[in-house]
């Protein structure tokens, strides 16, 4: 198992959406802004879905959140696991 963080770039065939994906271990991690871009939704809607996912105990925040320091940021940025990304996708009825 590779625990060293990696960055993978996802780009749609039409080139309209490009997301830098943070891979660590066996899962990938995205910020709220990246999840919003992926599902073509507002950040506020994604934020509400994430809040509900955790408040309804669908997922445990301890194992599905990661605070990472990234370049050009004064404070750590919250990244969400693939499980959260999939749960949000289900809630927004993404294609």
Protein backbone atom coordinates (compact mmCIF):
# COMPACT_ATOMS: atom_id res chain seq x y z
CA UNK A 1 0.00 0.00 0.00
CA UNK A 2 1.33 3.41 -0.96
CA UNK A 3 0.74 5.97 1.82
CA UNK A 4 2.70 8.70 0.11
CA UNK A 5 0.32 11.47 -1.03
CA UNK A 6 -0.10 11.87 -4.78
CA UNK A 7 -1.87 14.42 -6.96
CA UNK A 8 -3.78 13.09 -9.95
CA UNK A 9 -5.43 15.37 -12.49
CA UNK A 10 -8.91 14.42 -13.68
CA UNK A 11 -10.13 16.07 -16.87
CA UNK A 12 -13.42 15.47 -18.69
CA UNK A 13 -13.24 14.50 -22.38
CA UNK A 14 -14.62 17.91 -23.42
CA UNK A 15 -11.98 19.66 -21.30
CA UNK A 16 -14.59 21.69 -19.40
CA UNK A 17 -13.85 20.24 -15.96
CA UNK A 18 -10.40 19.67 -14.53
CA UNK A 19 -9.89 18.59 -10.92
CA UNK A 20 -6.63 17.93 -9.10
CA UNK A 21 -7.33 14.85 -6.99
CA UNK A 22 -5.36 14.20 -3.79
CA UNK A 23 -4.66 10.45 -3.47
CA UNK A 24 -3.47 8.99 -0.21
CA UNK A 25 -3.50 5.34 0.75
CA UNK A 26 -6.41 3.63 -0.94
CA UNK A 27 -8.72 6.60 -1.26
CA UNK A 28 -8.89 10.01 -2.85
CA UNK A 29 -9.67 13.30 -1.21
CA UNK A 30 -11.36 16.47 -2.51
CA UNK A 31 -12.23 19.84 -1.01
CA UNK A 32 -15.80 21.14 -0.92
CA UNK A 33 -15.00 23.40 -3.87
CA UNK A 34 -13.73 20.44 -5.90
CA UNK A 35 -16.80 18.35 -5.02
CA UNK A 36 -19.01 21.26 -6.09
CA UNK A 37 -17.16 21.52 -9.39
CA UNK A 38 -17.30 17.75 -9.95
CA UNK A 39 -21.08 17.62 -9.51
CA UNK A 40 -21.72 21.08 -11.01
CA UNK A 41 -23.38 22.39 -7.83
CA UNK A 42 -22.94 25.42 -5.57
CA UNK A 43 -20.52 25.08 -2.68
CA UNK A 44 -23.35 25.99 -0.27
CA UNK A 45 -25.40 23.00 -1.46
CA UNK A 46 -22.45 20.65 -1.15
CA UNK A 47 -21.74 22.03 2.32
CA UNK A 48 -25.35 21.38 3.38
CA UNK A 49 -25.21 17.81 2.06
CA UNK A 50 -21.93 17.12 3.88
CA UNK A 51 -23.35 18.54 7.11
CA UNK A 52 -26.40 16.27 6.78
CA UNK A 53 -24.27 13.22 5.94
CA UNK A 54 -22.40 13.65 9.23
CA UNK A 55 -25.35 14.78 11.39
CA UNK A 56 -27.44 11.80 10.21
CA UNK A 57 -24.50 9.49 11.07
CA UNK A 58 -24.34 8.17 7.50
CA UNK A 59 -20.55 8.52 7.77
CA UNK A 60 -18.14 9.21 10.60
CA UNK A 61 -16.35 12.55 10.24
CA UNK A 62 -13.25 11.26 12.05
CA UNK A 63 -12.34 8.82 9.29
CA UNK A 64 -13.68 10.86 6.37
CA UNK A 65 -12.11 14.29 6.96
CA UNK A 66 -8.50 15.30 6.58
CA UNK A 67 -7.04 18.73 7.33
CA UNK A 68 -4.11 19.35 5.00
CA UNK A 69 -1.79 22.30 4.63
CA UNK A 70 -1.57 23.27 0.97
CA UNK A 71 0.57 25.78 -0.86
CA UNK A 72 -0.63 29.39 -0.86
CA UNK A 73 -3.00 28.79 2.08
CA UNK A 74 -2.62 30.38 5.50
CA UNK A 75 -4.52 27.61 7.27
CA UNK A 76 -5.23 23.92 6.73
CA UNK A 77 -7.85 23.01 4.13
CA UNK A 78 -10.49 20.34 4.80
CA UNK A 79 -10.47 17.41 2.38
CA UNK A 80 -13.25 14.81 2.19
CA UNK A 81 -12.83 11.10 1.44
CA UNK A 82 -14.21 9.18 -1.52
CA UNK A 83 -17.04 7.90 0.70
CA UNK A 84 -18.19 11.48 1.34
CA UNK A 85 -17.82 12.34 -2.36
CA UNK A 86 -20.01 9.38 -3.33
CA UNK A 87 -22.61 10.21 -0.65
CA UNK A 88 -22.81 13.80 -1.90
CA UNK A 89 -23.11 12.54 -5.48
CA UNK A 90 -26.01 10.34 -4.49
CA UNK A 91 -27.75 13.24 -2.71
CA UNK A 92 -27.36 15.68 -5.62
CA UNK A 93 -28.58 12.98 -8.03
CA UNK A 94 -25.49 13.40 -10.19
CA UNK A 95 -25.16 11.63 -13.53
